[in-house]
C-alpha atoms as a PDB file:
ATOM      1  CA  UNK A   1       0.000   0.000   0.000  1.00  0.00           C
ATOM      2  CA  UNK A   2       1.762   3.144  -1.193  1.00  0.00           C
ATOM      3  CA  UNK A   3      -0.746   5.804  -0.109  1.00  0.00           C
ATOM      4  CA  UNK A   4      -4.219   5.337   1.312  1.00  0.00           C
ATOM      5  CA  UNK A   5      -5.551   8.807   1.848  1.00  0.00           C
ATOM      6  CA  UNK A   6      -8.631   9.118   3.995  1.00  0.00           C
ATOM      7  CA  UNK A   7      -9.021  12.799   3.258  1.00  0.00           C
ATOM      8  CA  UNK A   8      -7.664  14.198  -0.006  1.00  0.00           C
ATOM      9  CA  UNK A   9      -7.711  17.860   1.003  1.00  0.00           C
ATOM     10  CA  UNK A  10      -4.472  19.717   1.722  1.00  0.00           C
ATOM     11  CA  UNK A  11      -5.491  20.126   5.377  1.00  0.00           C
ATOM     12  CA  UNK A  12      -5.873  16.400   5.888  1.00  0.00           C
ATOM     13  CA  UNK A  13      -7.339  15.200   9.153  1.00  0.00           C
ATOM     14  CA  UNK A  14      -5.995  11.680   8.842  1.00  0.00           C
ATOM     15  CA  UNK A  15      -3.783   9.981   6.279  1.00  0.00           C
ATOM     16  CA  UNK A  16      -2.166   6.573   6.077  1.00  0.00           C
ATOM     17  CA  UNK A  17       1.182   6.446   4.308  1.00  0.00           C
ATOM     18  CA  UNK A  18       3.970   3.938   3.901  1.00  0.00           C
ATOM     19  CA  UNK A  19       7.068   5.225   5.674  1.00  0.00           C
ATOM     20  CA  UNK A  20      10.601   3.885   5.346  1.00  0.00           C
ATOM     21  CA  UNK A  21      12.813   4.327   8.390  1.00  0.00           C
ATOM     22  CA  UNK A  22      16.548   4.977   8.368  1.00  0.00           C
ATOM     23  CA  UNK A  23      17.305   1.300   9.003  1.00  0.00           C
ATOM     24  CA  UNK A  24      15.266   0.324   5.934  1.00  0.00           C
ATOM     25  CA  UNK A  25      12.201  -1.026   7.708  1.00  0.00           C
ATOM     26  CA  UNK A  26       8.761  -0.132   6.377  1.00  0.00           C
ATOM     27  CA  UNK A  27       5.841   0.955   8.524  1.00  0.00           C
ATOM     28  CA  UNK A  28       2.378   2.227   7.795  1.00  0.00           C
ATOM     29  CA  UNK A  29       2.003   5.521   9.603  1.00  0.00           C
ATOM     30  CA  UNK A  30      -1.106   7.509  10.409  1.00  0.00           C
ATOM     31  CA  UNK A  31      -0.569  11.254  10.070  1.00  0.00           C
ATOM     32  CA  UNK A  32      -2.513  14.311  11.074  1.00  0.00           C
ATOM     33  CA  UNK A  33      -1.791  17.799   9.738  1.00  0.00           C
ATOM     34  CA  UNK A  34      -0.891  19.295   6.377  1.00  0.00           C
ATOM     35  CA  UNK A  35       0.769  17.440   3.507  1.00  0.00           C
ATOM     36  CA  UNK A  36       4.173  18.952   4.263  1.00  0.00           C
ATOM     37  CA  UNK A  37       4.139  19.021   8.067  1.00  0.00           C
ATOM     38  CA  UNK A  38       2.455  16.209   9.928  1.00  0.00           C
ATOM     39  CA  UNK A  39       2.187  14.648  13.355  1.00  0.00           C
ATOM     40  CA  UNK A  40       2.612  10.899  13.685  1.00  0.00           C
ATOM     41  CA  UNK A  41      -0.412   9.674  15.599  1.00  0.00           C
ATOM     42  CA  UNK A  42       0.262   5.964  15.567  1.00  0.00           C
ATOM     43  CA  UNK A  43       2.095   3.205  13.783  1.00  0.00           C
ATOM     44  CA  UNK A  44      -0.391   1.065  11.932  1.00  0.00           C
ATOM     45  CA  UNK A  45       0.012  -2.683  11.792  1.00  0.00           C
ATOM     46  CA  UNK A  46      -1.994  -5.297   9.922  1.00  0.00           C
ATOM     47  CA  UNK A  47      -5.726  -5.061  10.377  1.00  0.00           C
ATOM     48  CA  UNK A  48      -5.408  -1.327  11.051  1.00  0.00           C
ATOM     49  CA  UNK A  49      -4.697  -1.991  14.710  1.00  0.00           C
ATOM     50  CA  UNK A  50      -2.582   0.828  15.980  1.00  0.00           C
ATOM     51  CA  UNK A  51       0.186   1.426  18.459  1.00  0.00           C
ATOM     52  CA  UNK A  52       0.095   5.003  19.832  1.00  0.00           C
ATOM     53  CA  UNK A  53       3.272   7.063  19.716  1.00  0.00           C
ATOM     54  CA  UNK A  54       4.297  10.229  21.505  1.00  0.00           C
ATOM     55  CA  UNK A  55       2.950  12.525  18.762  1.00  0.00           C
ATOM     56  CA  UNK A  56       6.301  13.547  17.309  1.00  0.00           C
ATOM     57  CA  UNK A  57       6.386  16.118  14.509  1.00  0.00           C
ATOM     58  CA  UNK A  58       8.038  15.062  11.258  1.00  0.00           C
ATOM     59  CA  UNK A  59       8.453  16.660   7.856  1.00  0.00           C
ATOM     60  CA  UNK A  60       7.482  14.196   5.129  1.00  0.00           C
ATOM     61  CA  UNK A  61       8.143  14.499   1.404  1.00  0.00           C
ATOM     62  CA  UNK A  62       4.587  13.969   0.188  1.00  0.00           C
ATOM     63  CA  UNK A  63       3.753  13.399  -3.463  1.00  0.00           C
ATOM     64  CA  UNK A  64       2.659  16.342  -5.608  1.00  0.00           C
ATOM     65  CA  UNK A  65      -0.389  15.666  -7.778  1.00  0.00           C
ATOM     66  CA  UNK A  66       0.392  15.989 -11.491  1.00  0.00           C
ATOM     67  CA  UNK A  67      -2.538  15.994 -13.899  1.00  0.00           C
ATOM     68  CA  UNK A  68      -1.238  14.861 -17.267  1.00  0.00           C
ATOM     69  CA  UNK A  69      -1.748  12.899 -20.464  1.00  0.00           C
ATOM     70  CA  UNK A  70       0.701  10.212 -21.584  1.00  0.00           C
ATOM     71  CA  UNK A  71       2.764  11.433 -24.527  1.00  0.00           C
ATOM     72  CA  UNK A  72       2.374  15.119 -23.755  1.00  0.00           C
ATOM     73  CA  UNK A  73       5.782  16.773 -23.975  1.00  0.00           C
ATOM     74  CA  UNK A  74       4.862  19.527 -21.531  1.00  0.00           C
ATOM     75  CA  UNK A  75       3.839  16.925 -18.958  1.00  0.00           C
ATOM     76  CA  UNK A  76       7.143  15.152 -19.545  1.00  0.00           C
ATOM     77  CA  UNK A  77       8.889  18.446 -18.774  1.00  0.00           C
ATOM     78  CA  UNK A  78       7.311  18.557 -15.314  1.00  0.00           C
ATOM     79  CA  UNK A  79       8.234  14.929 -14.667  1.00  0.00           C
ATOM     80  CA  UNK A  80      11.853  15.541 -15.671  1.00  0.00           C
ATOM     81  CA  UNK A  81      12.127  18.609 -13.431  1.00  0.00           C
ATOM     82  CA  UNK A  82      10.605  16.707 -10.507  1.00  0.00           C
ATOM     83  CA  UNK A  83      13.073  13.850 -11.050  1.00  0.00           C
ATOM     84  CA  UNK A  84      16.000  16.277 -11.113  1.00  0.00           C
ATOM     85  CA  UNK A  85      14.812  17.622  -7.754  1.00  0.00           C
ATOM     86  CA  UNK A  86      14.115  14.128  -6.358  1.00  0.00           C
ATOM     87  CA  UNK A  87      10.439  14.956  -5.893  1.00  0.00           C
ATOM     88  CA  UNK A  88       7.690  12.359  -5.881  1.00  0.00           C
ATOM     89  CA  UNK A  89       4.720  12.888  -8.182  1.00  0.00           C
ATOM     90  CA  UNK A  90       1.289  11.346  -7.966  1.00  0.00           C
ATOM     91  CA  UNK A  91       0.448  10.926 -11.668  1.00  0.00           C
ATOM     92  CA  UNK A  92      -3.208  11.476 -12.541  1.00  0.00           C
ATOM     93  CA  UNK A  93      -3.982  10.752 -16.194  1.00  0.00           C
ATOM     94  CA  UNK A  94      -6.828  12.695 -17.767  1.00  0.00           C
ATOM     95  CA  UNK A  95      -8.910  11.136 -20.518  1.00  0.00           C
ATOM     96  CA  UNK A  96      -9.660  13.976 -22.928  1.00  0.00           C
ATOM     97  CA  UNK A  97     -12.021  11.856 -25.024  1.00  0.00           C
ATOM     98  CA  UNK A  98     -14.175  11.334 -21.956  1.00  0.00           C
ATOM     99  CA  UNK A  99     -13.951  15.002 -21.035  1.00  0.00           C
ATOM    100  CA  UNK A 100     -11.992  14.663 -17.808  1.00  0.00           C
ATOM    101  CA  UNK A 101     -10.420  18.072 -18.440  1.00  0.00           C
ATOM    102  CA  UNK A 102     -13.853  19.712 -18.529  1.00  0.00           C
ATOM    103  CA  UNK A 103     -15.213  18.241 -15.312  1.00  0.00           C
ATOM    104  CA  UNK A 104     -16.002  20.773 -12.555  1.00  0.00           C
ATOM    105  CA  UNK A 105     -13.450  19.304 -10.157  1.00  0.00           C
ATOM    106  CA  UNK A 106     -10.638  19.793 -12.676  1.00  0.00           C
ATOM    107  CA  UNK A 107     -11.810  23.251 -13.754  1.00  0.00           C
ATOM    108  CA  UNK A 108     -11.422  24.332 -10.128  1.00  0.00           C
ATOM    109  CA  UNK A 109      -7.765  23.309 -10.376  1.00  0.00           C
ATOM    110  CA  UNK A 110      -7.173  24.708 -13.860  1.00  0.00           C
ATOM    111  CA  UNK A 111      -9.845  26.912 -15.469  1.00  0.00           C
ATOM    112  CA  UNK A 112      -7.864  26.720 -18.739  1.00  0.00           C
ATOM    113  CA  UNK A 113      -8.736  22.989 -18.813  1.00  0.00           C
ATOM    114  CA  UNK A 114      -5.250  22.243 -20.157  1.00  0.00           C
ATOM    115  CA  UNK A 115      -2.404  20.014 -19.040  1.00  0.00           C
ATOM    116  CA  UNK A 116      -0.200  19.854 -17.123  1.00  0.00           C
ATOM    117  CA  UNK A 117      -1.419  21.111 -13.782  1.00  0.00           C
ATOM    118  CA  UNK A 118      -0.148  20.375 -10.305  1.00  0.00           C
ATOM    119  CA  UNK A 119      -1.591  20.558  -6.819  1.00  0.00           C
ATOM    120  CA  UNK A 120       1.044  20.933  -4.140  1.00  0.00           C
ATOM    121  CA  UNK A 121      -0.264  21.091  -0.590  1.00  0.00           C
ATOM    122  CA  UNK A 122      -3.447  22.751  -1.848  1.00  0.00           C
ATOM    123  CA  UNK A 123      -1.649  25.113  -4.239  1.00  0.00           C
ATOM    124  CA  UNK A 124      -2.749  24.652  -7.863  1.00  0.00           C
ATOM    125  CA  UNK A 125      -0.640  25.737 -10.828  1.00  0.00           C
ATOM    126  CA  UNK A 126      -0.742  25.152 -14.580  1.00  0.00           C
ATOM    127  CA  UNK A 127       1.652  25.793 -17.501  1.00  0.00           C
ATOM    128  CA  UNK A 128       4.713  23.535 -17.600  1.00  0.00           C
ATOM    129  CA  UNK A 129       7.349  26.267 -17.569  1.00  0.00           C
ATOM    130  CA  UNK A 130       5.688  28.081 -14.670  1.00  0.00           C
ATOM    131  CA  UNK A 131       5.504  24.764 -12.819  1.00  0.00           C
ATOM    132  CA  UNK A 132       9.193  24.101 -13.512  1.00  0.00           C
ATOM    133  CA  UNK A 133      10.188  27.483 -12.085  1.00  0.00           C
ATOM    134  CA  UNK A 134       7.948  27.013  -9.066  1.00  0.00           C
ATOM    135  CA  UNK A 135       9.311  23.572  -8.231  1.00  0.00           C
ATOM    136  CA  UNK A 136      12.924  24.748  -8.339  1.00  0.00           C
ATOM    137  CA  UNK A 137      12.170  27.927  -6.412  1.00  0.00           C
ATOM    138  CA  UNK A 138      10.405  25.964  -3.672  1.00  0.00           C
ATOM    139  CA  UNK A 139      12.340  22.709  -3.501  1.00  0.00           C
ATOM    140  CA  UNK A 140      15.707  23.384  -5.124  1.00  0.00           C
ATOM    141  CA  UNK A 141      16.971  26.580  -3.585  1.00  0.00           C
ATOM    142  CA  UNK A 142      20.585  25.453  -3.920  1.00  0.00           C
ATOM    143  CA  UNK A 143      19.986  23.871  -7.325  1.00  0.00           C
ATOM    144  CA  UNK A 144      21.577  25.125 -10.529  1.00  0.00           C
ATOM    145  CA  UNK A 145      18.479  24.067 -12.488  1.00  0.00           C
ATOM    146  CA  UNK A 146      17.235  27.673 -12.392  1.00  0.00           C
ATOM    147  CA  UNK A 147      20.333  29.840 -11.795  1.00  0.00           C
ATOM    148  CA  UNK A 148      20.248  32.640  -9.251  1.00  0.00           C
ATOM    149  CA  UNK A 149      22.703  34.684 -11.332  1.00  0.00           C
ATOM    150  CA  UNK A 150      20.584  37.364 -13.029  1.00  0.00           C
ATOM    151  CA  UNK A 151      22.156  37.009 -16.483  1.00  0.00           C
ATOM    152  CA  UNK A 152      22.141  33.220 -16.499  1.00  0.00           C
ATOM    153  CA  UNK A 153      18.528  33.133 -15.314  1.00  0.00           C
ATOM    154  CA  UNK A 154      17.586  35.613 -18.044  1.00  0.00           C
ATOM    155  CA  UNK A 155      19.153  33.315 -20.641  1.00  0.00           C
ATOM    156  CA  UNK A 156      17.255  30.322 -19.256  1.00  0.00           C
ATOM    157  CA  UNK A 157      14.036  32.348 -19.489  1.00  0.00           C
ATOM    158  CA  UNK A 158      14.925  33.385 -23.034  1.00  0.00           C
ATOM    159  CA  UNK A 159      15.370  29.750 -24.093  1.00  0.00           C
ATOM    160  CA  UNK A 160      12.031  28.842 -22.518  1.00  0.00           C
ATOM    161  CA  UNK A 161      10.261  31.781 -24.176  1.00  0.00           C
ATOM    162  CA  UNK A 162      11.806  30.949 -27.551  1.00  0.00           C
ATOM    163  CA  UNK A 163      10.716  27.353 -27.174  1.00  0.00           C
ATOM    164  CA  UNK A 164       7.136  28.309 -26.323  1.00  0.00           C
ATOM    165  CA  UNK A 165       6.652  31.210 -28.714  1.00  0.00           C
ATOM    166  CA  UNK A 166       8.637  30.028 -31.728  1.00  0.00           C
ATOM    167  CA  UNK A 167       9.915  26.453 -31.712  1.00  0.00           C
ATOM    168  CA  UNK A 168       6.846  24.610 -30.394  1.00  0.00           C
ATOM    169  CA  UNK A 169       4.437  26.977 -32.131  1.00  0.00           C
ATOM    170  CA  UNK A 170       5.975  26.277 -35.523  1.00  0.00           C
ATOM    171  CA  UNK A 171       6.044  22.537 -34.861  1.00  0.00           C
ATOM    172  CA  UNK A 172       2.333  22.662 -34.034  1.00  0.00           C
ATOM    173  CA  UNK A 173       1.514  24.818 -37.055  1.00  0.00           C
ATOM    174  CA  UNK A 174       3.220  22.343 -39.364  1.00  0.00           C
ATOM    175  CA  UNK A 175       2.220  18.980 -37.877  1.00  0.00           C
ATOM    176  CA  UNK A 176      -1.173  19.466 -36.225  1.00  0.00           C
ATOM    177  CA  UNK A 177      -3.106  20.149 -39.464  1.00  0.00           C
ATOM    178  CA  UNK A 178      -1.628  16.943 -40.856  1.00  0.00           C
ATOM    179  CA  UNK A 179      -2.999  15.037 -37.867  1.00  0.00           C
ATOM    180  CA  UNK A 180      -6.422  16.241 -38.990  1.00  0.00           C
ATOM    181  CA  UNK A 181      -5.801  14.956 -42.521  1.00  0.00           C
ATOM    182  CA  UNK A 182      -4.417  18.054 -44.247  1.00  0.00           C
ATOM    183  CA  UNK A 183      -1.435  17.682 -46.618  1.00  0.00           C
ATOM    184  CA  UNK A 184       1.995  18.850 -45.469  1.00  0.00           C
ATOM    185  CA  UNK A 185       2.500  22.566 -46.068  1.00  0.00           C
ATOM    186  CA  UNK A 186       6.026  23.235 -47.359  1.00  0.00           C
ATOM    187  CA  UNK A 187       6.004  26.863 -46.225  1.00  0.00           C
ATOM    188  CA  UNK A 188       5.142  25.831 -42.673  1.00  0.00           C
ATOM    189  CA  UNK A 189       7.785  23.114 -42.831  1.00  0.00           C
ATOM    190  CA  UNK A 190      10.413  25.712 -43.733  1.00  0.00           C
ATOM    191  CA  UNK A 191       9.360  27.914 -40.815  1.00  0.00           C
ATOM    192  CA  UNK A 192       9.735  24.969 -38.450  1.00  0.00           C
ATOM    193  CA  UNK A 193      13.158  24.149 -39.899  1.00  0.00           C
ATOM    194  CA  UNK A 194      14.181  27.792 -39.479  1.00  0.00           C
ATOM    195  CA  UNK A 195      13.242  27.547 -35.797  1.00  0.00           C
ATOM    196  CA  UNK A 196      15.494  24.490 -35.466  1.00  0.00           C
ATOM    197  CA  UNK A 197      18.310  26.474 -37.069  1.00  0.00           C
ATOM    198  CA  UNK A 198      17.830  29.186 -34.446  1.00  0.00           C
ATOM    199  CA  UNK A 199      18.012  26.613 -31.653  1.00  0.00           C
ATOM    200  CA  UNK A 200      21.170  25.203 -33.215  1.00  0.00           C
ATOM    201  CA  UNK A 201      22.675  28.701 -33.208  1.00  0.00           C
ATOM    202  CA  UNK A 202      21.656  29.304 -29.587  1.00  0.00           C
ATOM    203  CA  UNK A 203      23.471  26.132 -28.557  1.00  0.00           C
ATOM    204  CA  UNK A 204      26.715  27.194 -30.251  1.00  0.00           C
ATOM    205  CA  UNK A 205      29.476  27.516 -27.657  1.00  0.00           C
ATOM    206  CA  UNK A 206      27.348  26.065 -24.844  1.00  0.00           C
ATOM    207  CA  UNK A 207      27.553  22.634 -23.268  1.00  0.00           C
ATOM    208  CA  UNK A 208      23.916  22.754 -22.235  1.00  0.00           C
ATOM    209  CA  UNK A 209      21.185  25.176 -23.328  1.00  0.00           C
ATOM    210  CA  UNK A 210      22.796  27.817 -21.119  1.00  0.00           C
ATOM    211  CA  UNK A 211      26.394  27.402 -20.032  1.00  0.00           C
ATOM    212  CA  UNK A 212      27.829  24.164 -18.695  1.00  0.00           C
ATOM    213  CA  UNK A 213      25.101  23.014 -16.274  1.00  0.00           C
ATOM    214  CA  UNK A 214      21.767  21.292 -16.768  1.00  0.00           C
ATOM    215  CA  UNK A 215      18.832  23.695 -16.316  1.00  0.00           C
ATOM    216  CA  UNK A 216      15.072  23.627 -16.667  1.00  0.00           C
ATOM    217  CA  UNK A 217      15.580  24.997 -20.173  1.00  0.00           C
ATOM    218  CA  UNK A 218      17.291  21.729 -21.138  1.00  0.00           C
ATOM    219  CA  UNK A 219      14.567  19.614 -19.558  1.00  0.00           C
ATOM    220  CA  UNK A 220      11.799  21.504 -21.328  1.00  0.00           C
ATOM    221  CA  UNK A 221      13.630  21.550 -24.661  1.00  0.00           C
ATOM    222  CA  UNK A 222      14.565  17.867 -24.563  1.00  0.00           C
ATOM    223  CA  UNK A 223      10.947  16.884 -23.903  1.00  0.00           C
ATOM    224  CA  UNK A 224       9.951  18.695 -27.092  1.00  0.00           C
ATOM    225  CA  UNK A 225      12.934  17.798 -29.277  1.00  0.00           C
ATOM    226  CA  UNK A 226      12.366  14.119 -28.471  1.00  0.00           C
ATOM    227  CA  UNK A 227       8.773  14.577 -29.638  1.00  0.00           C
ATOM    228  CA  UNK A 228       9.981  16.200 -32.871  1.00  0.00           C
ATOM    229  CA  UNK A 229      12.240  13.196 -33.442  1.00  0.00           C
ATOM    230  CA  UNK A 230       9.353  10.818 -32.772  1.00  0.00           C
ATOM    231  CA  UNK A 231       7.564  12.578 -35.652  1.00  0.00           C
ATOM    232  CA  UNK A 232      10.515  11.645 -37.879  1.00  0.00           C
ATOM    233  CA  UNK A 233      12.126  15.089 -37.775  1.00  0.00           C
ATOM    234  CA  UNK A 234      15.737  14.637 -38.854  1.00  0.00           C
ATOM    235  CA  UNK A 235      18.288  16.401 -36.647  1.00  0.00           C
ATOM    236  CA  UNK A 236      21.348  15.520 -38.739  1.00  0.00           C
ATOM    237  CA  UNK A 237      21.532  19.024 -40.225  1.00  0.00           C
ATOM    238  CA  UNK A 238      21.775  20.553 -36.759  1.00  0.00           C
ATOM    239  CA  UNK A 239      25.071  19.379 -35.215  1.00  0.00           C
ATOM    240  CA  UNK A 240      24.766  21.482 -32.068  1.00  0.00           C
ATOM    241  CA  UNK A 241      21.291  20.134 -31.382  1.00  0.00           C
ATOM    242  CA  UNK A 242      22.466  16.564 -31.934  1.00  0.00           C
ATOM    243  CA  UNK A 243      25.398  16.913 -29.542  1.00  0.00           C
ATOM    244  CA  UNK A 244      23.290  18.659 -26.907  1.00  0.00           C
ATOM    245  CA  UNK A 245      20.437  16.152 -27.307  1.00  0.00           C
ATOM    246  CA  UNK A 246      22.632  13.138 -26.634  1.00  0.00           C
ATOM    247  CA  UNK A 247      24.178  14.849 -23.608  1.00  0.00           C
ATOM    248  CA  UNK A 248      20.867  15.758 -21.995  1.00  0.00           C
ATOM    249  CA  UNK A 249      19.404  12.302 -22.610  1.00  0.00           C
ATOM    250  CA  UNK A 250      22.369  10.788 -20.777  1.00  0.00           C
ATOM    251  CA  UNK A 251      22.500  13.257 -17.876  1.00  0.00           C
ATOM    252  CA  UNK A 252      18.889  14.206 -17.089  1.00  0.00           C
ATOM    253  CA  UNK A 253      17.836  12.096 -14.075  1.00  0.00           C
ATOM    254  CA  UNK A 254      15.477   9.232 -14.961  1.00  0.00           C
ATOM    255  CA  UNK A 255      15.230  10.382 -18.587  1.00  0.00           C
ATOM    256  CA  UNK A 256      14.736   6.895 -20.057  1.00  0.00           C
ATOM    257  CA  UNK A 257      12.341   5.813 -17.324  1.00  0.00           C
ATOM    258  CA  UNK A 258      10.153   8.892 -17.757  1.00  0.00           C
ATOM    259  CA  UNK A 259      10.150   9.163 -21.550  1.00  0.00           C
ATOM    260  CA  UNK A 260      10.086   5.531 -22.700  1.00  0.00           C
ATOM    261  CA  UNK A 261       6.304   4.971 -22.575  1.00  0.00           C
ATOM    262  CA  UNK A 262       5.494   8.562 -23.509  1.00  0.00           C
ATOM    263  CA  UNK A 263       7.600   8.514 -26.663  1.00  0.00           C
ATOM    264  CA  UNK A 264       6.311   5.072 -27.644  1.00  0.00           C
ATOM    265  CA  UNK A 265       2.810   6.550 -27.470  1.00  0.00           C
ATOM    266  CA  UNK A 266       3.873   9.521 -29.613  1.00  0.00           C
ATOM    267  CA  UNK A 267       5.528   7.271 -32.198  1.00  0.00           C
ATOM    268  CA  UNK A 268       2.264   5.379 -32.673  1.00  0.00           C
ATOM    269  CA  UNK A 269       0.455   8.663 -33.336  1.00  0.00           C
ATOM    270  CA  UNK A 270       3.219   9.788 -35.678  1.00  0.00           C
ATOM    271  CA  UNK A 271       3.085   6.513 -37.612  1.00  0.00           C
ATOM    272  CA  UNK A 272      -0.667   6.933 -38.057  1.00  0.00           C
ATOM    273  CA  UNK A 273      -0.096  10.454 -39.342  1.00  0.00           C
ATOM    274  CA  UNK A 274       2.620   9.450 -41.766  1.00  0.00           C
ATOM    275  CA  UNK A 275       0.531   6.592 -43.127  1.00  0.00           C
ATOM    276  CA  UNK A 276      -2.167   9.103 -44.095  1.00  0.00           C
ATOM    277  CA  UNK A 277       0.381  11.095 -46.063  1.00  0.00           C
ATOM    278  CA  UNK A 278       1.460   8.144 -48.207  1.00  0.00           C
END
């Protein structure tokens, strides 16, 4: 039993969690309090019989709810950032065909009815890049994922803004109509390729997207570039992207574990698209 939550609100009255002690033993623990600061009320043994404790306060690393859809690059971004910060996520998959994103309970979390969205101790936030910044600011204060140096942070923000406003926009403009059955538009293809050329130029002289350390810009970019590749986008004409791509895939924590199923899902969609074009 990983989590058995009796009350799902942030101000939980009683929660049962699995807790691993320093010596490696596992216990089921009943907590009272908030998700981040809780009081151990009792150790729970089989049959939910309990052994009272002395009500000691502990700080537990509770899972953050992530509302997502498998194969979504922006959801992958959040997962990669969480992994880099060693944060646990409670993955909640939304079924768009069944309208999960339009249900009242989700609209309270994210009125945009988009993914991803997180709920962290009652705090709801959407937009992957905003979530990435928030997670580092809250949980990675000594992390280099989002540099404190003003100029370096500005460059990270620039990469993220370029990705959102230019790179991903042009990918969507070129590929999404094709997913609806439209023929490939060569003018839109050229615009997308021009955006890749800009990314290649931005990477010139850098080890990572900015400087020589992994940042949230890399984790967001790699989630999208891997999606481009899954749609059979050739990167061979962009040597800086290729070099950077291989580096990030090998150094981003849990990259393979997080992206394997997501990219397999994307490849199936891409294959269906390409078959329509033949």
